[in-house]
Protein backbone atom coordinates (compact mmCIF):
# COMPACT_ATOMS: atom_id res chain seq x y z
CA MET A 1 50.84 -7.71 -76.09
CA PHE A 2 48.00 -9.81 -75.66
CA GLN A 3 49.05 -13.51 -76.03
CA LYS A 4 47.16 -16.39 -77.50
CA PRO A 5 45.84 -18.78 -75.15
CA VAL A 6 46.89 -22.46 -75.02
CA TYR A 7 44.65 -24.93 -74.16
CA TYR A 8 45.48 -27.85 -71.82
CA GLY A 9 42.22 -29.88 -71.18
CA PHE A 10 40.09 -27.81 -68.95
CA LEU A 11 42.40 -25.01 -68.60
CA PHE A 12 43.70 -22.05 -70.51
CA TRP A 13 46.69 -20.31 -69.74
CA TYR A 14 47.27 -16.53 -70.58
CA ASN A 15 50.37 -14.54 -69.85
CA THR A 16 48.67 -11.01 -69.02
CA CYS A 17 49.63 -7.87 -67.19
CA GLY A 18 47.10 -8.02 -64.59
CA CYS A 19 43.85 -9.02 -66.64
CA ILE A 20 42.52 -10.43 -69.19
CA GLY A 21 39.50 -9.06 -71.78
CA ASP A 22 36.33 -8.32 -68.98
CA TYR A 23 38.07 -10.31 -66.37
CA MET A 24 38.78 -8.91 -62.77
CA GLU A 25 41.80 -6.48 -62.65
CA ILE A 26 44.35 -7.99 -59.90
CA LYS A 27 47.57 -6.02 -59.13
CA ARG A 28 49.90 -6.84 -56.10
CA SER A 29 52.84 -5.16 -54.76
CA LYS A 30 55.58 -5.99 -52.14
CA ASN A 31 55.55 -4.97 -48.32
CA GLN A 32 58.13 -4.37 -45.66
CA PHE A 33 57.69 -7.80 -44.87
CA ASN A 34 58.27 -9.08 -48.32
CA CYS A 35 54.74 -10.44 -49.00
CA PHE A 36 52.37 -9.24 -51.12
CA ASP A 37 49.32 -7.10 -50.61
CA TYR A 38 46.52 -7.09 -53.62
CA SER A 39 44.33 -5.05 -55.20
CA LEU A 40 41.03 -6.58 -56.90
CA MET A 41 39.14 -3.81 -59.46
CA ASN A 42 35.35 -4.86 -60.41
CA ASP A 43 32.83 -2.61 -61.49
CA GLY A 44 34.40 0.75 -60.12
CA LYS A 45 35.38 -0.28 -57.40
CA GLU A 46 38.39 -1.38 -55.60
CA LEU A 47 39.09 -3.89 -52.66
CA LYS A 48 42.72 -4.06 -51.17
CA VAL A 49 43.73 -7.03 -48.92
CA ILE A 50 46.76 -5.61 -46.90
CA TYR A 51 49.35 -6.86 -44.28
CA ALA A 52 50.48 -3.80 -42.04
CA GLY A 53 53.06 -2.45 -40.16
CA ASN A 54 51.52 -3.28 -37.16
CA LEU A 55 50.97 -7.02 -38.16
CA ASP A 56 47.58 -6.85 -38.56
CA LEU A 57 45.33 -7.51 -41.72
CA TYR A 58 43.16 -5.15 -43.45
CA PHE A 59 40.36 -5.12 -45.82
CA MET A 60 39.30 -2.02 -47.54
CA VAL A 61 37.25 -0.70 -49.74
CA ASN A 62 36.77 2.31 -52.35
CA ASN A 63 34.43 3.21 -55.36
CA GLY A 64 36.17 5.92 -56.35
CA LYS A 65 34.50 8.40 -54.50
CA SER A 66 34.87 10.60 -51.11
CA ILE A 67 32.90 8.79 -48.34
CA PRO A 68 31.49 11.10 -45.91
CA TYR A 69 32.76 11.16 -42.30
CA ALA A 70 29.11 11.13 -40.29
CA GLU A 71 26.90 9.64 -42.53
CA ASN A 72 25.79 5.91 -43.13
CA VAL A 73 27.25 4.09 -46.17
CA ASN A 74 27.83 0.81 -47.84
CA ILE A 75 29.90 -0.40 -50.80
CA SER A 76 29.76 -3.82 -51.89
CA PHE A 77 32.15 -6.06 -53.78
CA ASP A 78 31.17 -9.12 -55.52
CA ILE A 79 33.71 -12.02 -55.96
CA THR A 80 32.21 -14.25 -59.05
CA LYS A 81 33.43 -17.30 -61.02
CA GLU A 82 34.83 -14.71 -63.57
CA ASP A 83 38.22 -15.01 -61.89
CA TYR A 84 37.79 -18.74 -60.38
CA GLU A 85 41.25 -18.52 -58.86
CA ILE A 86 40.14 -15.51 -56.45
CA PHE A 87 36.63 -17.36 -56.04
CA CYS A 88 38.01 -20.71 -54.72
CA LEU A 89 39.99 -18.62 -52.19
CA PHE A 90 37.08 -16.74 -50.80
CA GLU A 91 34.57 -19.55 -51.01
CA SER A 92 37.44 -21.59 -48.60
CA LEU A 93 37.35 -18.67 -46.59
CA TYR A 94 33.75 -18.40 -46.27
CA ASN A 95 33.42 -22.40 -45.59
CA GLU A 96 36.40 -22.30 -42.89
CA VAL A 97 34.43 -19.58 -40.86
CA ILE A 98 31.06 -20.79 -41.28
CA SER A 99 32.06 -24.51 -40.37
CA GLY A 100 34.19 -23.51 -37.26
CA ASN A 101 37.63 -24.86 -38.85
CA VAL A 102 40.06 -22.29 -37.25
CA PHE A 103 42.93 -24.59 -37.64
CA GLU A 104 44.02 -26.84 -40.52
CA ASP A 105 45.33 -30.55 -39.30
CA CYS A 106 43.94 -30.25 -35.75
CA ASP A 107 40.52 -31.56 -34.24
CA TYR A 108 39.80 -28.42 -32.53
CA ASN A 109 36.98 -26.82 -33.78
CA SER A 110 35.05 -23.33 -32.75
CA TYR A 111 31.67 -23.67 -34.20
CA GLY A 112 28.86 -22.96 -31.80
CA SER A 113 31.77 -21.43 -29.38
CA TYR A 114 30.90 -17.32 -27.97
CA GLN A 115 33.12 -16.15 -30.61
CA TYR A 116 31.28 -17.55 -33.44
CA LYS A 117 27.96 -16.67 -32.53
CA LEU A 118 29.44 -13.24 -32.32
CA LEU A 119 30.65 -13.50 -35.78
CA VAL A 120 28.00 -15.76 -37.56
CA ASP A 121 24.33 -14.74 -38.00
CA ASP A 122 21.10 -16.78 -38.49
CA GLU A 123 21.37 -16.02 -42.09
CA GLN A 124 25.01 -17.52 -42.51
CA SER A 125 26.67 -14.20 -42.69
CA ILE A 126 29.87 -13.64 -41.45
CA ASN A 127 29.97 -10.08 -39.88
CA TRP A 128 33.24 -8.69 -38.55
CA ILE A 129 33.29 -5.39 -37.06
CA SER A 130 36.84 -3.38 -36.98
CA ASP A 131 39.14 -4.51 -34.63
CA ASP A 132 40.36 -0.60 -34.10
CA GLY A 133 38.13 0.14 -31.65
CA PRO A 134 34.86 -0.18 -29.49
CA ALA A 135 32.37 -2.13 -31.44
CA GLU A 136 29.54 0.10 -31.52
CA CYS A 137 31.80 2.88 -33.34
CA GLU A 138 33.78 0.80 -35.90
CA ASP A 139 32.84 0.42 -39.51
CA ARG A 140 31.95 -3.28 -40.45
CA LEU A 141 32.19 -6.17 -42.88
CA SER A 142 29.44 -8.65 -43.91
CA PHE A 143 30.50 -11.75 -45.88
CA MET A 144 27.80 -13.72 -47.45
CA ARG A 145 27.02 -16.29 -49.96
CA ILE A 146 24.67 -14.97 -52.64
CA ASP A 147 24.33 -18.09 -54.82
CA ASN A 148 26.73 -20.94 -56.49
CA ASP A 149 28.81 -18.23 -58.58
CA THR A 150 29.09 -15.16 -56.40
CA TYR A 151 30.18 -14.23 -52.67
CA ARG A 152 29.53 -10.71 -51.41
CA LEU A 153 31.51 -8.60 -48.90
CA ILE A 154 29.49 -5.14 -48.10
CA PHE A 155 31.53 -2.74 -45.98
CA TYR A 156 29.41 -0.71 -43.56
CA ARG A 157 30.95 2.96 -42.68
CA ASN A 158 29.62 3.43 -39.19
CA ASN A 159 28.06 7.01 -38.60
CA VAL A 160 30.97 8.24 -36.32
CA PRO A 161 31.19 11.89 -35.39
CA MET A 162 34.45 13.07 -36.88
CA ASP A 163 36.31 13.66 -33.77
CA PHE A 164 36.00 10.54 -32.87
CA GLY A 165 39.31 8.51 -33.80
CA PHE A 166 40.49 8.26 -37.57
CA LYS A 167 38.22 7.52 -40.93
CA SER A 168 39.76 7.72 -44.02
CA SER A 169 37.78 9.43 -46.01
CA PHE A 170 38.57 7.68 -49.21
CA ASN A 171 38.11 4.00 -48.37
CA ILE A 172 36.05 1.90 -45.71
CA VAL A 173 38.56 0.07 -43.47
CA VAL A 174 38.04 -3.11 -41.56
CA ARG A 175 41.09 -4.26 -39.14
CA PHE A 176 41.59 -8.36 -38.19
CA ARG A 177 43.79 -8.08 -35.25
CA ASN A 178 46.15 -10.71 -35.02
CA SER A 179 46.32 -9.90 -31.58
CA GLY A 180 43.47 -9.04 -29.29
CA SER A 181 40.77 -9.48 -31.51
CA ARG A 182 37.23 -10.04 -30.32
CA TYR A 183 36.92 -13.06 -32.52
CA ASP A 184 40.05 -14.70 -31.91
CA PRO A 185 40.94 -17.38 -32.86
CA PHE A 186 38.75 -16.64 -36.29
CA ASN A 187 41.21 -14.11 -37.27
CA CYS A 188 43.60 -17.14 -38.13
CA VAL A 189 41.37 -18.31 -40.88
CA PHE A 190 41.95 -14.69 -42.50
CA MET A 191 45.44 -14.78 -42.13
CA ARG A 192 45.10 -18.15 -43.73
CA PHE A 193 42.97 -16.44 -46.64
CA TYR A 194 46.25 -13.95 -47.03
CA GLN A 195 48.67 -16.84 -46.92
CA ARG A 196 47.00 -18.67 -49.77
CA LEU A 197 46.19 -15.23 -51.75
CA GLN A 198 50.33 -14.82 -52.37
CA GLU A 199 49.93 -17.83 -54.68
CA VAL A 200 47.96 -15.52 -57.16
CA ASP A 201 49.80 -14.19 -59.80
CA PRO A 202 48.40 -11.12 -61.53
CA ASN A 203 50.85 -11.74 -64.71
CA TYR A 204 49.26 -15.24 -65.56
CA HIS A 205 45.69 -15.99 -65.45
CA GLN A 206 44.96 -19.90 -65.79
CA VAL A 207 41.08 -19.68 -67.46
CA HIS A 208 39.32 -22.72 -65.71
CA ILE A 209 36.23 -24.31 -67.43
CA GLU A 210 34.20 -22.69 -64.45
CA GLU A 211 34.98 -19.37 -65.58
CA LEU A 212 33.85 -20.04 -69.27
CA LEU A 213 30.89 -21.46 -67.99
CA TYR A 214 29.91 -18.56 -65.78
CA LYS A 215 30.57 -16.15 -68.96
CA LYS A 216 28.07 -18.22 -70.74
CA GLN A 217 25.53 -17.81 -68.32
CA LEU A 218 25.54 -14.23 -68.33
CA ASN A 219 25.62 -14.16 -72.04
CA LYS A 220 22.15 -15.85 -72.13
CA LYS A 221 20.55 -13.42 -69.37
């Protein structure tokens, strides 16, 4: 049953079961490490953030359709202020990579390093090729800022013959190795994002004033 919101200054509190009205649907489930893996669903697409048994992090996306093995396919997933808590986590992830701020509470900065130049292009987009195998054969993720209200993740399926390695027929999968990544040490920033994500409880949605302003702005269009 939907619970009437309680207003506290700039925030509304709802007790929900994963979503509210038109807001992004969020689900989480416990994994073998007693951590939560997350599923974000919006516009018929699903973005999963998973910490797997090999101790590596995975982002994967699907649009509910089969993905051909040998075709170049891309699926985009937008993160907007419709869910401000999730938006802020992705915003922090983006800003920390772009600024080269790999480690918290440390003077060391990776801005301009070889790995940084490999990861961030001239358009300030973050381009992570899956750490599963050779760069020329793997799927990749581009993560970019569209405007003040939107970050976009675009997952690209590489045109690889079916007899090469393993490709999911349902998800485009990008792996972030915690050991041996070509982008080391930037994998640490993505793991920090995953750790912060653990604080998101899908059953309690805190509606921020930014969400209300965003909805109002959309209604004007």
